[in-house]
Amino acid sequence: MTIRSVISATGSYLPEKIMSNADLERIVDTSDEWIVQRSGIRNRHISNDTETAGYMATKAAQKALEMAGMDASDIDGIIVATTTADRTFPSVAVQVQHAIGAPVGVAFDVQAVCSGFVYALSVADSMMKTGMLKRVLVIGAERMSSILNWEDRTTCVLFGDGAGAVVLEAQEGKGDKTDRGIHGSVLKANGKYQDILYTDGGVSTTKASGHIVMQGKEVFKRAVGYLSEVVEDVLAVCDLEQPDIDWLIPHQANIRIIESAAKKLGVSMDRVVVTLENHGNTSAASIPLALDDANRSGKIQKGEVLLFEALGGGITWGAILLRF
């Protein structure tokens, strides 16, 4: 018997407030043309004081449960990928557990910045294969606006807030390529490049979260190279080839990185899910937000092969291949 971790439902939450590039022109020295050319972003959602990572994660989780036709009592695990937790501790995951009325079970956060959702999904998959968990909420939730320096035009124009969630269920498969569920994942990190994308603060140093600092050119260079390599690795792990991929759902950081990754994969852009234009970079929330958008719109169908890929601060990166 082969256990597969199957995504049975998706959900998301975006703050009501939308900040356009024109709005940013009134805050920093920038322009719509400059932002679009360098990132592909036109709008992003910005949370208010009550829309914390925990609040958004809860809303996304509830929508995923609603789609699945499940009650919170059906869930035995909650894993949240976030860099912007409401508090240093406890985790956002236990907040969600309490808010939705889930029973006593596994609940913890994963911190791998923009790669967080890929990491969290891989961890959940591993725990399911051991039999420890059967139904898990895996959530990416970020309030990136809370760690932005609104005077730094190189970073404040890129990020947004939001949350996305999936219900992951353990199901029996035949053990071949036709099985629905996760077929393989590859996770990587290289601390040598930790200083090209970081925050200039922390609990045990400045006693404050700090603000995002980024060396954009270096991040771009590492992203293009590392993502290409990890995709090849995960295809090998799954014994699949590039033509087997129906949809690429990448981390939504920069349109040029997305286009470069698609080109190297030989995937046309009409088979790439892109929400960057209206979401901005929502870090760990970006892949589940894009997935929910594509799922609810009918763009992706059950049985299709999806590739998730992401790179974030650390540097961390990874990829997951699954049959939806």
C-alpha atoms as a PDB file:
ATOM      1  CA  MET A   1       0.000   0.000   0.000  1.00  0.00           C
ATOM      2  CA  THR A   2       1.265   3.469  -0.925  1.00  0.00           C
ATOM      3  CA  ILE A   3       0.141   6.509   1.074  1.00  0.00           C
ATOM      4  CA  ARG A   4      -0.195   9.707  -0.927  1.00  0.00           C
ATOM      5  CA  SER A   5      -0.754  13.189   0.487  1.00  0.00           C
ATOM      6  CA  VAL A   6      -3.584  14.609  -1.635  1.00  0.00           C
ATOM      7  CA  ILE A   7      -4.672  18.245  -1.782  1.00  0.00           C
ATOM      8  CA  SER A   8      -8.438  17.912  -1.452  1.00  0.00           C
ATOM      9  CA  ALA A   9      -9.327  21.602  -1.037  1.00  0.00           C
ATOM     10  CA  THR A  10      -7.882  25.104  -1.122  1.00  0.00           C
ATOM     11  CA  GLY A  11      -8.696  28.444   0.488  1.00  0.00           C
ATOM     12  CA  SER A  12      -7.326  31.962   0.676  1.00  0.00           C
ATOM     13  CA  TYR A  13      -7.721  35.382   2.242  1.00  0.00           C
ATOM     14  CA  LEU A  14      -6.645  38.790   0.969  1.00  0.00           C
ATOM     15  CA  PRO A  15      -7.038  42.063   2.880  1.00  0.00           C
ATOM     16  CA  GLU A  16      -9.657  44.436   1.526  1.00  0.00           C
ATOM     17  CA  LYS A  17      -7.251  47.342   1.110  1.00  0.00           C
ATOM     18  CA  ILE A  18      -5.490  47.414  -2.251  1.00  0.00           C
ATOM     19  CA  MET A  19      -2.395  49.576  -2.735  1.00  0.00           C
ATOM     20  CA  SER A  20      -1.632  50.414  -6.355  1.00  0.00           C
ATOM     21  CA  ASN A  21       1.631  51.572  -7.857  1.00  0.00           C
ATOM     22  CA  ALA A  22       0.049  55.022  -8.139  1.00  0.00           C
ATOM     23  CA  ASP A  23      -0.504  54.987  -4.374  1.00  0.00           C
ATOM     24  CA  LEU A  24       3.173  54.157  -3.863  1.00  0.00           C
ATOM     25  CA  GLU A  25       4.194  57.088  -6.063  1.00  0.00           C
ATOM     26  CA  ARG A  26       2.809  59.327  -3.294  1.00  0.00           C
ATOM     27  CA  ILE A  27       4.922  57.580  -0.642  1.00  0.00           C
ATOM     28  CA  VAL A  28       8.337  57.032  -2.219  1.00  0.00           C
ATOM     29  CA  ASP A  29      10.290  58.150  -5.279  1.00  0.00           C
ATOM     30  CA  THR A  30       9.028  55.572  -7.756  1.00  0.00           C
ATOM     31  CA  SER A  31       6.675  55.151 -10.700  1.00  0.00           C
ATOM     32  CA  ASP A  32       4.256  52.609 -12.069  1.00  0.00           C
ATOM     33  CA  GLU A  33       6.530  52.074 -15.087  1.00  0.00           C
ATOM     34  CA  TRP A  34       9.605  51.468 -12.901  1.00  0.00           C
ATOM     35  CA  ILE A  35       7.809  48.929 -10.691  1.00  0.00           C
ATOM     36  CA  VAL A  36       6.134  47.037 -13.544  1.00  0.00           C
ATOM     37  CA  GLN A  37       9.327  46.818 -15.610  1.00  0.00           C
ATOM     38  CA  ARG A  38      11.363  45.419 -12.733  1.00  0.00           C
ATOM     39  CA  SER A  39       8.796  43.186 -11.049  1.00  0.00           C
ATOM     40  CA  GLY A  40       5.541  42.850 -12.980  1.00  0.00           C
ATOM     41  CA  ILE A  41       3.573  44.083  -9.961  1.00  0.00           C
ATOM     42  CA  ARG A  42       0.727  46.620 -10.282  1.00  0.00           C
ATOM     43  CA  ASN A  43      -1.223  46.141  -7.047  1.00  0.00           C
ATOM     44  CA  ARG A  44      -0.843  44.480  -3.668  1.00  0.00           C
ATOM     45  CA  HIS A  45      -3.143  43.922  -0.667  1.00  0.00           C
ATOM     46  CA  ILE A  46      -2.191  45.629   2.587  1.00  0.00           C
ATOM     47  CA  SER A  47      -3.658  44.498   5.906  1.00  0.00           C
ATOM     48  CA  ASN A  48      -5.153  46.695   8.608  1.00  0.00           C
ATOM     49  CA  ASP A  49      -4.320  46.449  12.316  1.00  0.00           C
ATOM     50  CA  THR A  50      -6.685  43.523  12.927  1.00  0.00           C
ATOM     51  CA  GLU A  51      -5.619  41.489   9.870  1.00  0.00           C
ATOM     52  CA  THR A  52      -2.661  39.754  11.459  1.00  0.00           C
ATOM     53  CA  ALA A  53      -1.001  36.641  10.072  1.00  0.00           C
ATOM     54  CA  GLY A  54      -3.062  34.584  12.509  1.00  0.00           C
ATOM     55  CA  TYR A  55      -6.316  36.216  11.460  1.00  0.00           C
ATOM     56  CA  MET A  56      -5.608  35.759   7.749  1.00  0.00           C
ATOM     57  CA  ALA A  57      -4.444  32.165   8.264  1.00  0.00           C
ATOM     58  CA  THR A  58      -7.683  31.376  10.091  1.00  0.00           C
ATOM     59  CA  LYS A  59      -9.825  32.857   7.323  1.00  0.00           C
ATOM     60  CA  ALA A  60      -7.952  30.926   4.627  1.00  0.00           C
ATOM     61  CA  ALA A  61      -8.233  27.706   6.659  1.00  0.00           C
ATOM     62  CA  GLN A  62     -11.984  28.136   7.079  1.00  0.00           C
ATOM     63  CA  LYS A  63     -12.449  28.589   3.334  1.00  0.00           C
ATOM     64  CA  ALA A  64     -10.410  25.463   2.634  1.00  0.00           C
ATOM     65  CA  LEU A  65     -12.477  23.449   5.107  1.00  0.00           C
ATOM     66  CA  GLU A  66     -15.663  24.776   3.539  1.00  0.00           C
ATOM     67  CA  MET A  67     -14.528  23.654   0.081  1.00  0.00           C
ATOM     68  CA  ALA A  68     -13.573  20.235   1.468  1.00  0.00           C
ATOM     69  CA  GLY A  69     -16.951  19.856   3.165  1.00  0.00           C
ATOM     70  CA  MET A  70     -15.151  19.179   6.429  1.00  0.00           C
ATOM     71  CA  ASP A  71     -15.458  20.337   9.975  1.00  0.00           C
ATOM     72  CA  ALA A  72     -12.491  21.455  12.064  1.00  0.00           C
ATOM     73  CA  SER A  73     -12.946  18.265  14.098  1.00  0.00           C
ATOM     74  CA  ASP A  74     -11.753  16.307  11.035  1.00  0.00           C
ATOM     75  CA  ILE A  75      -8.298  17.942  11.217  1.00  0.00           C
ATOM     76  CA  ASP A  76      -5.488  16.332  13.228  1.00  0.00           C
ATOM     77  CA  GLY A  77      -2.666  18.700  12.261  1.00  0.00           C
ATOM     78  CA  ILE A  78      -2.031  22.332  11.407  1.00  0.00           C
ATOM     79  CA  ILE A  79       1.253  23.577   9.929  1.00  0.00           C
ATOM     80  CA  VAL A  80       1.674  27.269   9.173  1.00  0.00           C
ATOM     81  CA  ALA A  81       4.480  28.736   7.095  1.00  0.00           C
ATOM     82  CA  THR A  82       5.094  32.316   8.164  1.00  0.00           C
ATOM     83  CA  THR A  83       7.845  34.856   8.743  1.00  0.00           C
ATOM     84  CA  THR A  84       5.521  37.415  10.309  1.00  0.00           C
ATOM     85  CA  ALA A  85       3.895  35.623  13.232  1.00  0.00           C
ATOM     86  CA  ASP A  86       1.621  37.625  15.528  1.00  0.00           C
ATOM     87  CA  ARG A  87       3.876  36.943  18.498  1.00  0.00           C
ATOM     88  CA  THR A  88       7.315  35.467  19.087  1.00  0.00           C
ATOM     89  CA  PHE A  89       5.408  32.564  20.640  1.00  0.00           C
ATOM     90  CA  PRO A  90       3.077  30.736  20.689  1.00  0.00           C
ATOM     91  CA  SER A  91       2.819  29.748  17.025  1.00  0.00           C
ATOM     92  CA  VAL A  92       0.277  30.984  14.515  1.00  0.00           C
ATOM     93  CA  ALA A  93      -0.708  27.325  14.099  1.00  0.00           C
ATOM     94  CA  VAL A  94      -2.051  27.041  17.660  1.00  0.00           C
ATOM     95  CA  GLN A  95      -3.935  30.306  17.168  1.00  0.00           C
ATOM     96  CA  VAL A  96      -5.616  28.814  14.117  1.00  0.00           C
ATOM     97  CA  GLN A  97      -6.281  25.569  15.978  1.00  0.00           C
ATOM     98  CA  HIS A  98      -8.159  27.433  18.702  1.00  0.00           C
ATOM     99  CA  ALA A  99      -9.917  29.874  16.346  1.00  0.00           C
ATOM    100  CA  ILE A 100     -11.428  27.177  14.124  1.00  0.00           C
ATOM    101  CA  GLY A 101     -12.199  24.803  16.991  1.00  0.00           C
ATOM    102  CA  ALA A 102      -9.867  22.011  15.919  1.00  0.00           C
ATOM    103  CA  PRO A 103      -9.244  19.209  18.437  1.00  0.00           C
ATOM    104  CA  VAL A 104      -5.989  18.563  20.279  1.00  0.00           C
ATOM    105  CA  GLY A 105      -3.391  17.558  17.714  1.00  0.00           C
ATOM    106  CA  VAL A 106      -0.163  18.621  16.020  1.00  0.00           C
ATOM    107  CA  ALA A 107       0.278  22.373  15.486  1.00  0.00           C
ATOM    108  CA  PHE A 108       3.462  24.298  14.700  1.00  0.00           C
ATOM    109  CA  ASP A 109       4.980  26.957  12.434  1.00  0.00           C
ATOM    110  CA  VAL A 110       7.678  26.629   9.769  1.00  0.00           C
ATOM    111  CA  GLN A 111       9.992  29.555   8.949  1.00  0.00           C
ATOM    112  CA  ALA A 112      11.709  29.419   5.579  1.00  0.00           C
ATOM    113  CA  VAL A 113      10.502  32.811   4.315  1.00  0.00           C
ATOM    114  CA  CYS A 114       9.314  32.621   0.681  1.00  0.00           C
ATOM    115  CA  SER A 115      10.076  28.888   0.523  1.00  0.00           C
ATOM    116  CA  GLY A 116       7.998  28.321   3.646  1.00  0.00           C
ATOM    117  CA  PHE A 117       4.929  26.777   2.036  1.00  0.00           C
ATOM    118  CA  VAL A 118       7.016  24.289   0.031  1.00  0.00           C
ATOM    119  CA  TYR A 119       8.880  23.353   3.220  1.00  0.00           C
ATOM    120  CA  ALA A 120       5.642  23.045   5.228  1.00  0.00           C
ATOM    121  CA  LEU A 121       3.948  20.917   2.582  1.00  0.00           C
ATOM    122  CA  SER A 122       6.951  18.605   2.438  1.00  0.00           C
ATOM    123  CA  VAL A 123       6.997  18.248   6.236  1.00  0.00           C
ATOM    124  CA  ALA A 124       3.269  17.450   6.266  1.00  0.00           C
ATOM    125  CA  ASP A 125       3.758  14.876   3.516  1.00  0.00           C
ATOM    126  CA  SER A 126       6.537  13.173   5.476  1.00  0.00           C
ATOM    127  CA  MET A 127       4.406  13.022   8.643  1.00  0.00           C
ATOM    128  CA  MET A 128       1.507  11.534   6.707  1.00  0.00           C
ATOM    129  CA  LYS A 129       3.680   8.812   5.250  1.00  0.00           C
ATOM    130  CA  THR A 130       4.648   7.731   8.777  1.00  0.00           C
ATOM    131  CA  GLY A 131       0.972   7.494   9.708  1.00  0.00           C
ATOM    132  CA  MET A 132       1.257  10.268  12.293  1.00  0.00           C
ATOM    133  CA  LEU A 133      -1.271  12.527  10.515  1.00  0.00           C
ATOM    134  CA  LYS A 134      -4.271  11.885   8.275  1.00  0.00           C
ATOM    135  CA  ARG A 135      -5.803  15.313   7.556  1.00  0.00           C
ATOM    136  CA  VAL A 136      -3.691  18.444   7.812  1.00  0.00           C
ATOM    137  CA  LEU A 137      -4.237  22.115   7.169  1.00  0.00           C
ATOM    138  CA  VAL A 138      -1.079  23.497   5.557  1.00  0.00           C
ATOM    139  CA  ILE A 139      -1.153  27.283   5.476  1.00  0.00           C
ATOM    140  CA  GLY A 140       1.059  30.101   4.221  1.00  0.00           C
ATOM    141  CA  ALA A 141       0.269  33.411   5.915  1.00  0.00           C
ATOM    142  CA  GLU A 142       2.226  36.649   5.800  1.00  0.00           C
ATOM    143  CA  ARG A 143       1.826  40.256   6.841  1.00  0.00           C
ATOM    144  CA  MET A 144       4.897  41.463   4.962  1.00  0.00           C
ATOM    145  CA  SER A 145       3.822  45.100   5.208  1.00  0.00           C
ATOM    146  CA  SER A 146       4.732  44.959   8.910  1.00  0.00           C
ATOM    147  CA  ILE A 147       8.438  44.455   8.152  1.00  0.00           C
ATOM    148  CA  LEU A 148       8.799  46.898   5.267  1.00  0.00           C
ATOM    149  CA  ASN A 149      10.792  50.106   5.336  1.00  0.00           C
ATOM    150  CA  TRP A 150       8.342  52.402   3.568  1.00  0.00           C
ATOM    151  CA  GLU A 151      11.200  54.741   2.659  1.00  0.00           C
ATOM    152  CA  ASP A 152      13.114  52.039   0.787  1.00  0.00           C
ATOM    153  CA  ARG A 153      11.745  52.051  -2.756  1.00  0.00           C
ATOM    154  CA  THR A 154      13.658  48.910  -3.700  1.00  0.00           C
ATOM    155  CA  THR A 155      11.674  46.729  -1.274  1.00  0.00           C
ATOM    156  CA  CYS A 156       8.438  48.440  -0.203  1.00  0.00           C
ATOM    157  CA  VAL A 157       7.021  48.258  -3.748  1.00  0.00           C
ATOM    158  CA  LEU A 158       7.415  44.480  -3.954  1.00  0.00           C
ATOM    159  CA  PHE A 159       5.528  42.941  -1.046  1.00  0.00           C
ATOM    160  CA  GLY A 160       1.941  42.387  -0.006  1.00  0.00           C
ATOM    161  CA  ASP A 161      -0.155  40.573   2.593  1.00  0.00           C
ATOM    162  CA  GLY A 162      -2.400  37.524   2.475  1.00  0.00           C
ATOM    163  CA  ALA A 163      -2.862  33.865   3.316  1.00  0.00           C
ATOM    164  CA  GLY A 164      -3.519  30.632   1.451  1.00  0.00           C
ATOM    165  CA  ALA A 165      -4.373  27.183   2.761  1.00  0.00           C
ATOM    166  CA  VAL A 166      -4.814  23.602   1.617  1.00  0.00           C
ATOM    167  CA  VAL A 167      -6.428  20.563   3.176  1.00  0.00           C
ATOM    168  CA  LEU A 168      -3.981  17.698   2.767  1.00  0.00           C
ATOM    169  CA  GLU A 169      -5.422  14.181   3.136  1.00  0.00           C
ATOM    170  CA  ALA A 170      -3.688  10.823   3.385  1.00  0.00           C
ATOM    171  CA  GLN A 171      -5.120   8.511   0.734  1.00  0.00           C
ATOM    172  CA  GLU A 172      -4.179   5.085  -0.547  1.00  0.00           C
ATOM    173  CA  GLY A 173      -2.578   5.026  -3.970  1.00  0.00           C
ATOM    174  CA  LYS A 174      -1.470   2.359  -6.412  1.00  0.00           C
ATOM    175  CA  GLY A 175       2.127   3.483  -6.137  1.00  0.00           C
ATOM    176  CA  ASP A 176       2.488   4.625  -9.731  1.00  0.00           C
ATOM    177  CA  LYS A 177       2.568   7.898 -11.662  1.00  0.00           C
ATOM    178  CA  THR A 178      -1.210   8.033 -11.974  1.00  0.00           C
ATOM    179  CA  ASP A 179      -1.760   8.472  -8.216  1.00  0.00           C
ATOM    180  CA  ARG A 180      -3.172  11.764  -7.028  1.00  0.00           C
ATOM    181  CA  GLY A 181      -1.061  13.467  -4.378  1.00  0.00           C
ATOM    182  CA  ILE A 182       2.516  14.503  -3.714  1.00  0.00           C
ATOM    183  CA  HIS A 183       5.010  12.408  -5.673  1.00  0.00           C
ATOM    184  CA  GLY A 184       8.196  14.064  -4.473  1.00  0.00           C
ATOM    185  CA  SER A 185       9.862  17.103  -2.952  1.00  0.00           C
ATOM    186  CA  VAL A 186      13.369  18.526  -2.745  1.00  0.00           C
ATOM    187  CA  LEU A 187      14.380  21.115  -0.142  1.00  0.00           C
ATOM    188  CA  LYS A 188      17.636  23.091  -0.063  1.00  0.00           C
ATOM    189  CA  ALA A 189      19.361  25.859   1.882  1.00  0.00           C
ATOM    190  CA  ASN A 190      22.661  27.702   1.658  1.00  0.00           C
ATOM    191  CA  GLY A 191      23.454  29.952   4.605  1.00  0.00           C
ATOM    192  CA  LYS A 192      26.433  31.397   2.732  1.00  0.00           C
ATOM    193  CA  TYR A 193      23.991  33.800   1.097  1.00  0.00           C
ATOM    194  CA  GLN A 194      21.983  34.734   4.180  1.00  0.00           C
ATOM    195  CA  ASP A 195      23.003  38.386   3.868  1.00  0.00           C
ATOM    196  CA  ILE A 196      21.543  39.023   0.410  1.00  0.00           C
ATOM    197  CA  LEU A 197      17.972  38.905   1.767  1.00  0.00           C
ATOM    198  CA  TYR A 198      17.301  39.457   5.460  1.00  0.00           C
ATOM    199  CA  THR A 199      15.777  41.687   8.118  1.00  0.00           C
ATOM    200  CA  ASP A 200      17.965  44.125  10.009  1.00  0.00           C
ATOM    201  CA  GLY A 201      16.559  43.088  13.360  1.00  0.00           C
ATOM    202  CA  GLY A 202      15.551  40.154  15.528  1.00  0.00           C
ATOM    203  CA  VAL A 203      14.283  39.164  18.954  1.00  0.00           C
ATOM    204  CA  SER A 204      17.677  38.239  20.401  1.00  0.00           C
ATOM    205  CA  THR A 205      19.607  41.102  18.769  1.00  0.00           C
ATOM    206  CA  THR A 206      17.666  44.346  18.371  1.00  0.00           C
ATOM    207  CA  LYS A 207      14.567  43.124  20.259  1.00  0.00           C
ATOM    208  CA  ALA A 208      12.527  44.210  17.217  1.00  0.00           C
ATOM    209  CA  SER A 209      11.592  42.464  13.985  1.00  0.00           C
ATOM    210  CA  GLY A 210      13.522  44.907  11.787  1.00  0.00           C
ATOM    211  CA  HIS A 211      12.915  45.639   8.104  1.00  0.00           C
ATOM    212  CA  ILE A 212      13.582  43.748   4.892  1.00  0.00           C
ATOM    213  CA  VAL A 213      16.957  44.396   3.258  1.00  0.00           C
ATOM    214  CA  MET A 214      17.626  42.911  -0.153  1.00  0.00           C
ATOM    215  CA  GLN A 215      20.387  42.787  -2.744  1.00  0.00           C
ATOM    216  CA  GLY A 216      18.069  42.393  -5.699  1.00  0.00           C
ATOM    217  CA  LYS A 217      20.624  41.469  -8.361  1.00  0.00           C
ATOM    218  CA  GLU A 218      22.179  38.774  -6.196  1.00  0.00           C
ATOM    219  CA  VAL A 219      18.801  37.313  -5.285  1.00  0.00           C
ATOM    220  CA  PHE A 220      17.795  37.226  -8.953  1.00  0.00           C
ATOM    221  CA  LYS A 221      21.012  35.466  -9.927  1.00  0.00           C
ATOM    222  CA  ARG A 222      20.711  32.799  -7.242  1.00  0.00           C
ATOM    223  CA  ALA A 223      17.004  32.294  -7.919  1.00  0.00           C
ATOM    224  CA  VAL A 224      17.438  31.572 -11.615  1.00  0.00           C
ATOM    225  CA  GLY A 225      20.253  29.083 -11.045  1.00  0.00           C
ATOM    226  CA  TYR A 226      18.983  27.311  -7.935  1.00  0.00           C
ATOM    227  CA  LEU A 227      15.393  26.963  -9.133  1.00  0.00           C
ATOM    228  CA  SER A 228      16.503  25.382 -12.392  1.00  0.00           C
ATOM    229  CA  GLU A 229      18.606  22.854 -10.500  1.00  0.00           C
ATOM    230  CA  VAL A 230      15.943  21.950  -7.946  1.00  0.00           C
ATOM    231  CA  VAL A 231      13.349  21.371 -10.652  1.00  0.00           C
ATOM    232  CA  GLU A 232      15.667  18.892 -12.337  1.00  0.00           C
ATOM    233  CA  ASP A 233      16.226  17.224  -8.966  1.00  0.00           C
ATOM    234  CA  VAL A 234      12.528  16.820  -8.164  1.00  0.00           C
ATOM    235  CA  LEU A 235      11.752  15.501 -11.656  1.00  0.00           C
ATOM    236  CA  ALA A 236      14.445  12.861 -11.147  1.00  0.00           C
ATOM    237  CA  VAL A 237      13.066  11.948  -7.714  1.00  0.00           C
ATOM    238  CA  CYS A 238       9.597  11.459  -9.229  1.00  0.00           C
ATOM    239  CA  ASP A 239      10.860   9.726 -12.380  1.00  0.00           C
ATOM    240  CA  LEU A 240       9.024  12.306 -14.475  1.00  0.00           C
ATOM    241  CA  GLU A 241      10.094  14.554 -17.331  1.00  0.00           C
ATOM    242  CA  GLN A 242       9.428  18.183 -18.164  1.00  0.00           C
ATOM    243  CA  PRO A 243       6.608  17.429 -20.641  1.00  0.00           C
ATOM    244  CA  ASP A 244       4.733  15.674 -17.811  1.00  0.00           C
ATOM    245  CA  ILE A 245       4.198  19.020 -16.057  1.00  0.00           C
ATOM    246  CA  ASP A 246       0.750  20.487 -16.756  1.00  0.00           C
ATOM    247  CA  TRP A 247       1.071  23.618 -14.627  1.00  0.00           C
ATOM    248  CA  LEU A 248       3.928  25.548 -13.036  1.00  0.00           C
ATOM    249  CA  ILE A 249       2.830  27.375  -9.886  1.00  0.00           C
ATOM    250  CA  PRO A 250       5.907  29.311  -8.749  1.00  0.00           C
ATOM    251  CA  HIS A 251       6.526  31.617  -5.840  1.00  0.00           C
ATOM    252  CA  GLN A 252       5.270  35.004  -6.992  1.00  0.00           C
ATOM    253  CA  ALA A 253       8.328  37.207  -6.487  1.00  0.00           C
ATOM    254  CA  ASN A 254       9.326  38.706  -9.814  1.00  0.00           C
ATOM    255  CA  ILE A 255       7.913  38.201 -13.306  1.00  0.00           C
ATOM    256  CA  ARG A 256      11.402  37.987 -14.809  1.00  0.00           C
ATOM    257  CA  ILE A 257      12.337  35.125 -12.470  1.00  0.00           C
ATOM    258  CA  ILE A 258       9.067  33.360 -13.305  1.00  0.00           C
ATOM    259  CA  GLU A 259       9.587  33.797 -17.052  1.00  0.00           C
ATOM    260  CA  SER A 260      13.177  32.585 -16.803  1.00  0.00           C
ATOM    261  CA  ALA A 261      12.140  29.485 -14.858  1.00  0.00           C
ATOM    262  CA  ALA A 262       9.382  28.702 -17.363  1.00  0.00           C
ATOM    263  CA  LYS A 263      11.766  29.101 -20.290  1.00  0.00           C
ATOM    264  CA  LYS A 264      14.333  26.750 -18.778  1.00  0.00           C
ATOM    265  CA  LEU A 265      11.581  24.214 -18.117  1.00  0.00           C
ATOM    266  CA  GLY A 266      10.209  24.529 -21.607  1.00  0.00           C
ATOM    267  CA  VAL A 267       6.809  25.474 -20.184  1.00  0.00           C
ATOM    268  CA  SER A 268       4.895  28.162 -22.081  1.00  0.00           C
ATOM    269  CA  MET A 269       3.671  31.088 -19.996  1.00  0.00           C
ATOM    270  CA  ASP A 270       0.053  30.140 -20.665  1.00  0.00           C
ATOM    271  CA  ARG A 271       0.723  27.065 -18.490  1.00  0.00           C
ATOM    272  CA  VAL A 272       2.138  29.140 -15.624  1.00  0.00           C
ATOM    273  CA  VAL A 273      -0.140  30.413 -12.858  1.00  0.00           C
ATOM    274  CA  VAL A 274       0.709  34.073 -12.266  1.00  0.00           C
ATOM    275  CA  THR A 275      -1.036  36.233  -9.647  1.00  0.00           C
ATOM    276  CA  LEU A 276       1.946  38.500  -9.018  1.00  0.00           C
ATOM    277  CA  GLU A 277       0.428  41.475 -10.836  1.00  0.00           C
ATOM    278  CA  ASN A 278      -2.306  41.930  -8.235  1.00  0.00           C
ATOM    279  CA  HIS A 279      -0.860  40.204  -5.153  1.00  0.00           C
ATOM    280  CA  GLY A 280       2.768  41.311  -5.117  1.00  0.00           C
ATOM    281  CA  ASN A 281       5.231  39.104  -3.236  1.00  0.00           C
ATOM    282  CA  THR A 282       3.339  37.559  -0.320  1.00  0.00           C
ATOM    283  CA  SER A 283       6.263  35.330   0.689  1.00  0.00           C
ATOM    284  CA  ALA A 284       5.077  31.979   2.095  1.00  0.00           C
ATOM    285  CA  ALA A 285       1.482  32.796   1.133  1.00  0.00           C
ATOM    286  CA  SER A 286       2.151  33.273  -2.576  1.00  0.00           C
ATOM    287  CA  ILE A 287       1.961  29.662  -3.822  1.00  0.00           C
ATOM    288  CA  PRO A 288      -1.204  28.697  -1.909  1.00  0.00           C
ATOM    289  CA  LEU A 289      -2.823  32.005  -2.934  1.00  0.00           C
ATOM    290  CA  ALA A 290      -2.019  31.306  -6.589  1.00  0.00           C
ATOM    291  CA  LEU A 291      -3.170  27.693  -6.227  1.00  0.00           C
ATOM    292  CA  ASP A 292      -6.527  28.702  -4.759  1.00  0.00           C
ATOM    293  CA  ASP A 293      -7.038  31.291  -7.476  1.00  0.00           C
ATOM    294  CA  ALA A 294      -6.324  28.724 -10.194  1.00  0.00           C
ATOM    295  CA  ASN A 295      -8.445  26.072  -8.505  1.00  0.00           C
ATOM    296  CA  ARG A 296     -11.531  28.227  -7.975  1.00  0.00           C
ATOM    297  CA  SER A 297     -11.351  29.681 -11.480  1.00  0.00           C
ATOM    298  CA  GLY A 298     -11.220  26.185 -12.985  1.00  0.00           C
ATOM    299  CA  LYS A 299      -7.845  26.795 -14.576  1.00  0.00           C
ATOM    300  CA  ILE A 300      -6.370  23.625 -13.075  1.00  0.00           C
ATOM    301  CA  GLN A 301      -8.189  20.297 -13.026  1.00  0.00           C
ATOM    302  CA  LYS A 302      -8.014  17.172 -10.910  1.00  0.00           C
ATOM    303  CA  GLY A 303      -5.463  14.727 -12.236  1.00  0.00           C
ATOM    304  CA  GLU A 304      -3.127  17.372 -13.642  1.00  0.00           C
ATOM    305  CA  VAL A 305       0.546  17.472 -12.629  1.00  0.00           C
ATOM    306  CA  LEU A 306       1.556  20.621 -10.748  1.00  0.00           C
ATOM    307  CA  LEU A 307       5.030  21.882  -9.967  1.00  0.00           C
ATOM    308  CA  PHE A 308       5.560  24.243  -7.042  1.00  0.00           C
ATOM    309  CA  GLU A 309       8.918  26.030  -6.763  1.00  0.00           C
ATOM    310  CA  ALA A 310      10.178  28.783  -4.483  1.00  0.00           C
ATOM    311  CA  LEU A 311      13.278  30.576  -3.242  1.00  0.00           C
ATOM    312  CA  GLY A 312      13.499  32.798  -0.183  1.00  0.00           C
ATOM    313  CA  GLY A 313      15.773  34.300   2.416  1.00  0.00           C
ATOM    314  CA  GLY A 314      18.301  31.974   3.975  1.00  0.00           C
ATOM    315  CA  ILE A 315      18.819  31.284   1.172  1.00  0.00           C
ATOM    316  CA  THR A 316      16.231  28.522   1.132  1.00  0.00           C
ATOM    317  CA  TRP A 317      14.649  26.961  -1.924  1.00  0.00           C
ATOM    318  CA  GLY A 318      12.698  23.911  -2.944  1.00  0.00           C
ATOM    319  CA  ALA A 319      10.246  22.245  -5.287  1.00  0.00           C
ATOM    320  CA  ILE A 320       7.318  19.836  -5.040  1.00  0.00           C
ATOM    321  CA  LEU A 321       5.667  17.757  -7.765  1.00  0.00           C
ATOM    322  CA  LEU A 322       2.144  16.508  -7.259  1.00  0.00           C
ATOM    323  CA  ARG A 323      -0.874  15.247  -9.135  1.00  0.00           C
ATOM    324  CA  PHE A 324      -3.788  17.467  -8.177  1.00  0.00           C
END
